Amino acid sequence: MARDLETALLRSFVTAVRAGSISRAAVALGHTQPALSQQLRKLERAVGSPLLHRAPSGVSPTRAGEELLPYAERILALSAQALAETGRALTGRCGVGLLEDLAVSRLPQALADLARLHPDATLEVLSLSNGAMREAYDTGRVQLVLDEVPDLPWPPRWTVRLPLVWAVGQGVAADADPLPVVLFSNTCAWRTSVLETLEGAGRRWRVAFESNSLAGVLAALRAGLGVAALMPANLEPAMACHDAAALPALPDVELGLARHPGTEGDALVDAVETALRRMI
């Protein structure tokens, strides 16, 4: 008998990974924690593999979970889009500015799926510096910007808080003194909060590597140069920190979406904003 993956179970799994915690995911979904745990176990039985590492500090995907996650997110996004957009062809153009850490995650695939449903619409996804993003927004090339709240070119229509997790480079000891840290070189609230977290925990640290791109940070981690703070979607399984006591808990990062005021009532921009909100 063929096995099917229930969308409700996939939604529970994706929400748990995004939240980094079963308790936070349960609150977001309006479930009790035992009910959500039961749904996650049911999905694991259907898949035939454990999908989450469970620890007192939260949850992170196993290798099987990492493999399932992009499929689960696409299934949920396509299901929502099909329900919302069936029978309504969208046209026009929409530019979307994304924080680089989101631009290399599953969001661009969700937007590509939306474009596939509406072949007469044009979508452009950009990841730019703050100054270039503001210029693209002001000139109308970009209609939507999803970024850290302080870096938005316009007050946010909505905000969301996402967890950060520690990524540990191969061979790096999480209890090293001083702790070698891999940082984004751009000055931002994210970088500041990570360093303040280490200072507040009394951890000595040193800058082992800096890069202005996520690709550079990931390359440094793969080379075993230190530890870094990442969004869960960008954490590679080999970089997961399994010793919760070795590193202090990281603060959440607050993201927001700014929408160009001249696009109210634009059906395509409405659909793209809805897709982004469902995927975050």
C-alpha atoms as a PDB file:
ATOM      1  CA  MET A   1       0.000   0.000   0.000  1.00  0.00           C
ATOM      2  CA  ALA A   2       1.389   3.414  -0.988  1.00  0.00           C
ATOM      3  CA  ARG A   3       2.389   5.740   1.845  1.00  0.00           C
ATOM      4  CA  ASP A   4       1.381   9.399   1.843  1.00  0.00           C
ATOM      5  CA  LEU A   5       2.869  12.262   3.820  1.00  0.00           C
ATOM      6  CA  GLU A   6       0.106  14.214   5.523  1.00  0.00           C
ATOM      7  CA  THR A   7       0.440  17.964   5.181  1.00  0.00           C
ATOM      8  CA  ALA A   8      -0.543  18.438   8.846  1.00  0.00           C
ATOM      9  CA  LEU A   9       2.418  16.294   9.930  1.00  0.00           C
ATOM     10  CA  LEU A  10       4.773  18.098   7.567  1.00  0.00           C
ATOM     11  CA  ARG A  11       3.585  21.437   8.949  1.00  0.00           C
ATOM     12  CA  SER A  12       4.336  20.266  12.483  1.00  0.00           C
ATOM     13  CA  PHE A  13       7.832  19.176  11.447  1.00  0.00           C
ATOM     14  CA  VAL A  14       8.665  22.383   9.550  1.00  0.00           C
ATOM     15  CA  THR A  15       7.372  24.573  12.383  1.00  0.00           C
ATOM     16  CA  ALA A  16       9.445  22.646  14.950  1.00  0.00           C
ATOM     17  CA  VAL A  17      12.610  23.083  12.865  1.00  0.00           C
ATOM     18  CA  ARG A  18      11.982  26.798  12.301  1.00  0.00           C
ATOM     19  CA  ALA A  19      11.186  27.420  15.960  1.00  0.00           C
ATOM     20  CA  GLY A  20      14.103  25.312  17.203  1.00  0.00           C
ATOM     21  CA  SER A  21      11.854  24.067  19.999  1.00  0.00           C
ATOM     22  CA  ILE A  22       8.853  21.747  20.259  1.00  0.00           C
ATOM     23  CA  SER A  23       7.281  23.940  22.935  1.00  0.00           C
ATOM     24  CA  ARG A  24       7.581  27.107  20.803  1.00  0.00           C
ATOM     25  CA  ALA A  25       6.250  25.228  17.770  1.00  0.00           C
ATOM     26  CA  ALA A  26       3.290  23.971  19.787  1.00  0.00           C
ATOM     27  CA  VAL A  27       2.409  27.537  20.774  1.00  0.00           C
ATOM     28  CA  ALA A  28       2.730  28.727  17.161  1.00  0.00           C
ATOM     29  CA  LEU A  29       0.428  25.964  15.903  1.00  0.00           C
ATOM     30  CA  GLY A  30      -2.061  26.165  18.759  1.00  0.00           C
ATOM     31  CA  HIS A  31      -1.346  22.571  19.870  1.00  0.00           C
ATOM     32  CA  THR A  32      -0.331  21.091  23.182  1.00  0.00           C
ATOM     33  CA  GLN A  33       3.276  19.948  23.400  1.00  0.00           C
ATOM     34  CA  PRO A  34       2.329  16.248  23.826  1.00  0.00           C
ATOM     35  CA  ALA A  35       0.017  16.432  20.786  1.00  0.00           C
ATOM     36  CA  LEU A  36       2.756  17.982  18.649  1.00  0.00           C
ATOM     37  CA  SER A  37       5.300  15.404  19.836  1.00  0.00           C
ATOM     38  CA  GLN A  38       2.854  12.662  18.854  1.00  0.00           C
ATOM     39  CA  GLN A  39       2.490  14.143  15.361  1.00  0.00           C
ATOM     40  CA  LEU A  40       6.265  14.303  14.964  1.00  0.00           C
ATOM     41  CA  ARG A  41       6.633  10.661  16.017  1.00  0.00           C
ATOM     42  CA  LYS A  42       3.911   9.685  13.545  1.00  0.00           C
ATOM     43  CA  LEU A  43       5.810  11.426  10.737  1.00  0.00           C
ATOM     44  CA  GLU A  44       9.037   9.712  11.774  1.00  0.00           C
ATOM     45  CA  ARG A  45       7.263   6.339  11.605  1.00  0.00           C
ATOM     46  CA  ALA A  46       5.939   7.180   8.138  1.00  0.00           C
ATOM     47  CA  VAL A  47       9.399   8.212   6.914  1.00  0.00           C
ATOM     48  CA  GLY A  48      11.160   5.390   8.731  1.00  0.00           C
ATOM     49  CA  SER A  49      13.889   7.541  10.302  1.00  0.00           C
ATOM     50  CA  PRO A  50      14.343   9.940  13.228  1.00  0.00           C
ATOM     51  CA  LEU A  51      13.924  13.489  11.945  1.00  0.00           C
ATOM     52  CA  LEU A  52      14.937  15.580  14.963  1.00  0.00           C
ATOM     53  CA  HIS A  53      17.759  15.673  17.471  1.00  0.00           C
ATOM     54  CA  ARG A  54      16.058  16.395  20.815  1.00  0.00           C
ATOM     55  CA  ALA A  55      18.000  18.134  23.582  1.00  0.00           C
ATOM     56  CA  PRO A  56      17.136  20.264  26.637  1.00  0.00           C
ATOM     57  CA  SER A  57      18.089  23.367  24.636  1.00  0.00           C
ATOM     58  CA  GLY A  58      15.731  22.539  21.746  1.00  0.00           C
ATOM     59  CA  VAL A  59      15.591  20.517  18.552  1.00  0.00           C
ATOM     60  CA  SER A  60      17.590  20.407  15.330  1.00  0.00           C
ATOM     61  CA  PRO A  61      17.103  18.266  12.220  1.00  0.00           C
ATOM     62  CA  THR A  62      18.919  14.959  11.772  1.00  0.00           C
ATOM     63  CA  ARG A  63      20.433  14.134   8.408  1.00  0.00           C
ATOM     64  CA  ALA A  64      17.108  12.564   7.389  1.00  0.00           C
ATOM     65  CA  GLY A  65      15.362  15.692   8.666  1.00  0.00           C
ATOM     66  CA  GLU A  66      17.660  17.908   6.585  1.00  0.00           C
ATOM     67  CA  GLU A  67      16.795  15.837   3.513  1.00  0.00           C
ATOM     68  CA  LEU A  68      13.049  15.991   4.166  1.00  0.00           C
ATOM     69  CA  LEU A  69      12.878  19.692   5.071  1.00  0.00           C
ATOM     70  CA  PRO A  70      13.051  21.250   1.566  1.00  0.00           C
ATOM     71  CA  TYR A  71      10.450  18.783   0.262  1.00  0.00           C
ATOM     72  CA  ALA A  72       8.160  19.475   3.219  1.00  0.00           C
ATOM     73  CA  GLU A  73       8.428  23.229   2.748  1.00  0.00           C
ATOM     74  CA  ARG A  74       7.712  22.979  -0.980  1.00  0.00           C
ATOM     75  CA  ILE A  75       4.716  20.703  -0.432  1.00  0.00           C
ATOM     76  CA  LEU A  76       3.237  23.120   2.109  1.00  0.00           C
ATOM     77  CA  ALA A  77       3.939  26.174  -0.036  1.00  0.00           C
ATOM     78  CA  LEU A  78       2.480  24.614  -3.174  1.00  0.00           C
ATOM     79  CA  SER A  79      -0.581  23.419  -1.295  1.00  0.00           C
ATOM     80  CA  ALA A  80      -1.252  26.903   0.078  1.00  0.00           C
ATOM     81  CA  GLN A  81      -0.618  28.581  -3.262  1.00  0.00           C
ATOM     82  CA  ALA A  82      -2.801  26.136  -5.148  1.00  0.00           C
ATOM     83  CA  LEU A  83      -5.696  26.800  -2.772  1.00  0.00           C
ATOM     84  CA  ALA A  84      -5.219  30.564  -2.915  1.00  0.00           C
ATOM     85  CA  GLU A  85      -4.452  31.038  -6.581  1.00  0.00           C
ATOM     86  CA  THR A  86      -6.402  28.341  -8.464  1.00  0.00           C
ATOM     87  CA  GLY A  87      -8.381  29.971 -11.232  1.00  0.00           C
ATOM     88  CA  ARG A  88      -6.651  33.343 -10.871  1.00  0.00           C
ATOM     89  CA  ALA A  89      -3.810  34.032 -13.295  1.00  0.00           C
ATOM     90  CA  LEU A  90      -1.362  36.639 -12.052  1.00  0.00           C
ATOM     91  CA  THR A  91       0.648  38.968 -14.278  1.00  0.00           C
ATOM     92  CA  GLY A  92       3.114  41.795 -13.804  1.00  0.00           C
ATOM     93  CA  ARG A  93       6.462  42.028 -12.052  1.00  0.00           C
ATOM     94  CA  CYS A  94       7.597  41.854  -8.433  1.00  0.00           C
ATOM     95  CA  GLY A  95      11.107  42.398  -7.090  1.00  0.00           C
ATOM     96  CA  VAL A  96      11.969  40.833  -3.740  1.00  0.00           C
ATOM     97  CA  GLY A  97      14.944  41.821  -1.593  1.00  0.00           C
ATOM     98  CA  LEU A  98      16.092  39.099   0.811  1.00  0.00           C
ATOM     99  CA  LEU A  99      18.624  38.945   3.601  1.00  0.00           C
ATOM    100  CA  GLU A 100      21.397  36.736   2.220  1.00  0.00           C
ATOM    101  CA  ASP A 101      20.782  34.070   4.877  1.00  0.00           C
ATOM    102  CA  LEU A 102      17.238  33.745   3.517  1.00  0.00           C
ATOM    103  CA  ALA A 103      18.252  34.028  -0.127  1.00  0.00           C
ATOM    104  CA  VAL A 104      20.217  30.777   0.113  1.00  0.00           C
ATOM    105  CA  SER A 105      17.488  28.950   2.031  1.00  0.00           C
ATOM    106  CA  ARG A 106      14.184  27.576   0.735  1.00  0.00           C
ATOM    107  CA  LEU A 107      12.461  30.904   0.127  1.00  0.00           C
ATOM    108  CA  PRO A 108      13.733  31.380  -3.456  1.00  0.00           C
ATOM    109  CA  GLN A 109      12.430  27.901  -4.330  1.00  0.00           C
ATOM    110  CA  ALA A 110       8.999  28.822  -2.963  1.00  0.00           C
ATOM    111  CA  LEU A 111       9.015  31.949  -5.122  1.00  0.00           C
ATOM    112  CA  ALA A 112      10.114  29.905  -8.131  1.00  0.00           C
ATOM    113  CA  ASP A 113       7.173  27.571  -7.518  1.00  0.00           C
ATOM    114  CA  LEU A 114       4.852  30.589  -7.427  1.00  0.00           C
ATOM    115  CA  ALA A 115       6.294  31.847 -10.715  1.00  0.00           C
ATOM    116  CA  ARG A 116       5.753  28.414 -12.239  1.00  0.00           C
ATOM    117  CA  LEU A 117       2.066  28.601 -11.301  1.00  0.00           C
ATOM    118  CA  HIS A 118       1.838  31.996 -13.030  1.00  0.00           C
ATOM    119  CA  PRO A 119       4.006  31.940 -16.174  1.00  0.00           C
ATOM    120  CA  ASP A 120       2.941  35.456 -17.222  1.00  0.00           C
ATOM    121  CA  ALA A 121       4.338  36.950 -13.997  1.00  0.00           C
ATOM    122  CA  THR A 122       7.994  37.972 -13.520  1.00  0.00           C
ATOM    123  CA  LEU A 123       9.732  37.636 -10.156  1.00  0.00           C
ATOM    124  CA  GLU A 124      13.220  38.894  -9.328  1.00  0.00           C
ATOM    125  CA  VAL A 125      15.035  37.971  -6.107  1.00  0.00           C
ATOM    126  CA  LEU A 126      17.938  40.188  -4.983  1.00  0.00           C
ATOM    127  CA  SER A 127      20.394  40.052  -2.093  1.00  0.00           C
ATOM    128  CA  LEU A 128      22.172  43.405  -1.833  1.00  0.00           C
ATOM    129  CA  SER A 129      24.023  45.620   0.612  1.00  0.00           C
ATOM    130  CA  ASN A 130      21.831  47.906   2.722  1.00  0.00           C
ATOM    131  CA  GLY A 131      22.600  50.952   0.588  1.00  0.00           C
ATOM    132  CA  ALA A 132      21.988  49.162  -2.701  1.00  0.00           C
ATOM    133  CA  MET A 133      18.790  47.603  -1.352  1.00  0.00           C
ATOM    134  CA  ARG A 134      17.447  50.991  -0.303  1.00  0.00           C
ATOM    135  CA  GLU A 135      18.213  52.390  -3.757  1.00  0.00           C
ATOM    136  CA  ALA A 136      16.460  49.421  -5.423  1.00  0.00           C
ATOM    137  CA  TYR A 137      13.463  49.979  -3.147  1.00  0.00           C
ATOM    138  CA  ASP A 138      13.353  53.735  -3.753  1.00  0.00           C
ATOM    139  CA  THR A 139      13.573  53.330  -7.533  1.00  0.00           C
ATOM    140  CA  GLY A 140      10.847  50.679  -7.655  1.00  0.00           C
ATOM    141  CA  ARG A 141      13.022  47.736  -8.707  1.00  0.00           C
ATOM    142  CA  VAL A 142      12.170  46.021  -5.407  1.00  0.00           C
ATOM    143  CA  GLN A 143       8.643  46.023  -4.003  1.00  0.00           C
ATOM    144  CA  LEU A 144       9.188  43.768  -0.990  1.00  0.00           C
ATOM    145  CA  VAL A 145      12.170  43.556   1.371  1.00  0.00           C
ATOM    146  CA  LEU A 146      12.551  40.825   3.993  1.00  0.00           C
ATOM    147  CA  ASP A 147      15.492  41.635   6.254  1.00  0.00           C
ATOM    148  CA  GLU A 148      16.527  42.390   9.819  1.00  0.00           C
ATOM    149  CA  VAL A 149      14.210  45.084  11.138  1.00  0.00           C
ATOM    150  CA  PRO A 150      16.916  47.771  11.654  1.00  0.00           C
ATOM    151  CA  ASP A 151      18.048  47.359   8.023  1.00  0.00           C
ATOM    152  CA  LEU A 152      14.638  47.714   6.358  1.00  0.00           C
ATOM    153  CA  PRO A 153      14.168  50.690   4.004  1.00  0.00           C
ATOM    154  CA  TRP A 154      10.636  51.289   5.318  1.00  0.00           C
ATOM    155  CA  PRO A 155       8.722  50.488   8.534  1.00  0.00           C
ATOM    156  CA  PRO A 156       7.748  46.780   8.576  1.00  0.00           C
ATOM    157  CA  ARG A 157       4.242  45.579   7.812  1.00  0.00           C
ATOM    158  CA  TRP A 158       4.918  42.581  10.043  1.00  0.00           C
ATOM    159  CA  THR A 159       7.776  41.081  11.984  1.00  0.00           C
ATOM    160  CA  VAL A 160       8.822  37.617  13.108  1.00  0.00           C
ATOM    161  CA  ARG A 161      11.434  36.351  15.542  1.00  0.00           C
ATOM    162  CA  LEU A 162      13.587  33.391  14.461  1.00  0.00           C
ATOM    163  CA  PRO A 163      16.136  31.494  16.547  1.00  0.00           C
ATOM    164  CA  LEU A 164      19.856  31.469  15.955  1.00  0.00           C
ATOM    165  CA  VAL A 165      21.883  28.302  16.509  1.00  0.00           C
ATOM    166  CA  TRP A 166      25.573  27.633  16.993  1.00  0.00           C
ATOM    167  CA  ALA A 167      27.430  26.047  14.109  1.00  0.00           C
ATOM    168  CA  VAL A 168      30.689  24.360  15.139  1.00  0.00           C
ATOM    169  CA  GLY A 169      33.474  23.839  12.639  1.00  0.00           C
ATOM    170  CA  GLN A 170      34.996  20.393  12.210  1.00  0.00           C
ATOM    171  CA  GLY A 171      37.513  19.678  14.962  1.00  0.00           C
ATOM    172  CA  VAL A 172      36.680  22.839  16.918  1.00  0.00           C
ATOM    173  CA  ALA A 173      36.237  22.411  20.671  1.00  0.00           C
ATOM    174  CA  ALA A 174      33.162  24.304  21.843  1.00  0.00           C
ATOM    175  CA  ASP A 175      34.808  24.800  25.254  1.00  0.00           C
ATOM    176  CA  ALA A 176      38.006  26.311  23.785  1.00  0.00           C
ATOM    177  CA  ASP A 177      39.444  29.283  25.681  1.00  0.00           C
ATOM    178  CA  PRO A 178      39.452  31.684  23.967  1.00  0.00           C
ATOM    179  CA  LEU A 179      36.659  30.539  21.658  1.00  0.00           C
ATOM    180  CA  PRO A 180      37.496  30.995  17.939  1.00  0.00           C
ATOM    181  CA  VAL A 181      34.544  32.828  16.359  1.00  0.00           C
ATOM    182  CA  VAL A 182      33.629  33.178  12.688  1.00  0.00           C
ATOM    183  CA  LEU A 183      31.741  36.421  12.103  1.00  0.00           C
ATOM    184  CA  PHE A 184      29.967  38.347   9.400  1.00  0.00           C
ATOM    185  CA  SER A 185      32.190  41.369   8.783  1.00  0.00           C
ATOM    186  CA  ASN A 186      29.291  43.779   8.208  1.00  0.00           C
ATOM    187  CA  THR A 187      28.309  45.754  11.297  1.00  0.00           C
ATOM    188  CA  CYS A 188      24.817  44.606  12.268  1.00  0.00           C
ATOM    189  CA  ALA A 189      22.596  43.892  15.252  1.00  0.00           C
ATOM    190  CA  TRP A 190      23.131  40.157  14.676  1.00  0.00           C
ATOM    191  CA  ARG A 191      26.933  40.355  15.031  1.00  0.00           C
ATOM    192  CA  THR A 192      26.629  42.623  18.059  1.00  0.00           C
ATOM    193  CA  SER A 193      24.153  40.358  19.856  1.00  0.00           C
ATOM    194  CA  VAL A 194      26.362  37.285  19.331  1.00  0.00           C
ATOM    195  CA  LEU A 195      29.398  38.990  20.847  1.00  0.00           C
ATOM    196  CA  GLU A 196      27.327  40.439  23.699  1.00  0.00           C
ATOM    197  CA  THR A 197      26.011  36.927  24.416  1.00  0.00           C
ATOM    198  CA  LEU A 198      29.557  35.587  24.750  1.00  0.00           C
ATOM    199  CA  GLU A 199      30.607  38.527  26.920  1.00  0.00           C
ATOM    200  CA  GLY A 200      27.535  38.097  29.127  1.00  0.00           C
ATOM    201  CA  ALA A 201      28.349  34.407  29.615  1.00  0.00           C
ATOM    202  CA  GLY A 202      31.932  35.248  30.616  1.00  0.00           C
ATOM    203  CA  ARG A 203      33.392  33.467  27.576  1.00  0.00           C
ATOM    204  CA  ARG A 204      36.683  34.704  26.207  1.00  0.00           C
ATOM    205  CA  TRP A 205      36.676  34.807  22.405  1.00  0.00           C
ATOM    206  CA  ARG A 206      38.811  35.780  19.453  1.00  0.00           C
ATOM    207  CA  VAL A 207      37.891  36.551  15.861  1.00  0.00           C
ATOM    208  CA  ALA A 208      39.190  33.632  13.800  1.00  0.00           C
ATOM    209  CA  PHE A 209      37.661  34.618  10.460  1.00  0.00           C
ATOM    210  CA  GLU A 210      35.371  37.291   9.013  1.00  0.00           C
ATOM    211  CA  SER A 211      33.428  37.397   5.760  1.00  0.00           C
ATOM    212  CA  ASN A 212      30.767  39.648   4.283  1.00  0.00           C
ATOM    213  CA  SER A 213      28.935  36.641   2.813  1.00  0.00           C
ATOM    214  CA  LEU A 214      27.233  33.521   4.119  1.00  0.00           C
ATOM    215  CA  ALA A 215      29.231  31.450   1.625  1.00  0.00           C
ATOM    216  CA  GLY A 216      32.458  32.677   3.223  1.00  0.00           C
ATOM    217  CA  VAL A 217      31.242  31.952   6.754  1.00  0.00           C
ATOM    218  CA  LEU A 218      30.172  28.427   5.777  1.00  0.00           C
ATOM    219  CA  ALA A 219      33.509  27.805   4.044  1.00  0.00           C
ATOM    220  CA  ALA A 220      35.348  28.845   7.231  1.00  0.00           C
ATOM    221  CA  LEU A 221      33.215  26.489   9.305  1.00  0.00           C
ATOM    222  CA  ARG A 222      33.846  23.597   6.911  1.00  0.00           C
ATOM    223  CA  ALA A 223      37.573  24.348   7.224  1.00  0.00           C
ATOM    224  CA  GLY A 224      37.315  24.072  11.009  1.00  0.00           C
ATOM    225  CA  LEU A 225      38.253  27.673  11.802  1.00  0.00           C
ATOM    226  CA  GLY A 226      35.753  28.285  14.588  1.00  0.00           C
ATOM    227  CA  VAL A 227      32.103  28.600  15.577  1.00  0.00           C
ATOM    228  CA  ALA A 228      29.397  30.881  14.173  1.00  0.00           C
ATOM    229  CA  ALA A 229      25.749  31.817  14.695  1.00  0.00           C
ATOM    230  CA  LEU A 230      23.431  30.758  11.877  1.00  0.00           C
ATOM    231  CA  MET A 231      19.766  30.402  11.142  1.00  0.00           C
ATOM    232  CA  PRO A 232      18.686  26.751  11.537  1.00  0.00           C
ATOM    233  CA  ALA A 233      17.896  26.401   7.812  1.00  0.00           C
ATOM    234  CA  ASN A 234      21.561  27.112   6.959  1.00  0.00           C
ATOM    235  CA  LEU A 235      23.057  24.738   9.539  1.00  0.00           C
ATOM    236  CA  GLU A 236      24.737  21.759   7.917  1.00  0.00           C
ATOM    237  CA  PRO A 237      24.360  18.493   9.898  1.00  0.00           C
ATOM    238  CA  ALA A 238      28.113  18.153  10.486  1.00  0.00           C
ATOM    239  CA  MET A 239      28.161  21.598  12.128  1.00  0.00           C
ATOM    240  CA  ALA A 240      25.488  20.930  14.769  1.00  0.00           C
ATOM    241  CA  CYS A 241      26.519  21.525  18.385  1.00  0.00           C
ATOM    242  CA  HIS A 242      25.378  18.562  20.482  1.00  0.00           C
ATOM    243  CA  ASP A 243      26.814  19.841  23.763  1.00  0.00           C
ATOM    244  CA  ALA A 244      24.185  22.337  24.902  1.00  0.00           C
ATOM    245  CA  ALA A 245      26.183  23.382  27.964  1.00  0.00           C
ATOM    246  CA  ALA A 246      29.324  24.260  26.019  1.00  0.00           C
ATOM    247  CA  LEU A 247      27.979  27.456  24.434  1.00  0.00           C
ATOM    248  CA  PRO A 248      25.541  30.088  25.754  1.00  0.00           C
ATOM    249  CA  ALA A 249      22.011  30.250  24.344  1.00  0.00           C
ATOM    250  CA  LEU A 250      21.756  32.712  21.472  1.00  0.00           C
ATOM    251  CA  PRO A 251      19.099  35.412  21.182  1.00  0.00           C
ATOM    252  CA  ASP A 252      16.480  35.374  18.461  1.00  0.00           C
ATOM    253  CA  VAL A 253      16.866  37.553  15.375  1.00  0.00           C
ATOM    254  CA  GLU A 254      13.950  39.829  14.447  1.00  0.00           C
ATOM    255  CA  LEU A 255      13.055  39.950  10.763  1.00  0.00           C
ATOM    256  CA  GLY A 256      10.483  42.186   9.157  1.00  0.00           C
ATOM    257  CA  LEU A 257       8.893  42.757   5.770  1.00  0.00           C
ATOM    258  CA  ALA A 258       8.732  46.188   4.172  1.00  0.00           C
ATOM    259  CA  ARG A 259       6.395  46.754   1.231  1.00  0.00           C
ATOM    260  CA  HIS A 260       6.578  49.653  -1.175  1.00  0.00           C
ATOM    261  CA  PRO A 261       3.583  51.918  -0.469  1.00  0.00           C
ATOM    262  CA  GLY A 262       2.765  52.188  -4.173  1.00  0.00           C
ATOM    263  CA  THR A 263       1.928  48.482  -4.484  1.00  0.00           C
ATOM    264  CA  GLU A 264      -1.237  48.282  -2.384  1.00  0.00           C
ATOM    265  CA  GLY A 265      -3.845  46.274  -4.255  1.00  0.00           C
ATOM    266  CA  ASP A 266      -1.313  44.665  -6.624  1.00  0.00           C
ATOM    267  CA  ALA A 267      -2.431  41.020  -6.805  1.00  0.00           C
ATOM    268  CA  LEU A 268       1.031  39.671  -7.658  1.00  0.00           C
ATOM    269  CA  VAL A 269       2.738  41.521  -4.807  1.00  0.00           C
ATOM    270  CA  ASP A 270      -0.068  40.350  -2.502  1.00  0.00           C
ATOM    271  CA  ALA A 271       0.592  36.733  -3.531  1.00  0.00           C
ATOM    272  CA  VAL A 272       4.366  37.048  -3.067  1.00  0.00           C
ATOM    273  CA  GLU A 273       3.958  38.624   0.370  1.00  0.00           C
ATOM    274  CA  THR A 274       1.609  35.798   1.371  1.00  0.00           C
ATOM    275  CA  ALA A 275       4.099  33.195   0.172  1.00  0.00           C
ATOM    276  CA  LEU A 276       6.933  34.818   2.135  1.00  0.00           C
ATOM    277  CA  ARG A 277       4.877  34.985   5.301  1.00  0.00           C
ATOM    278  CA  ARG A 278       3.916  31.322   5.035  1.00  0.00           C
ATOM    279  CA  MET A 279       7.514  30.238   4.535  1.00  0.00           C
ATOM    280  CA  ILE A 280       9.024  32.190   7.451  1.00  0.00           C
END
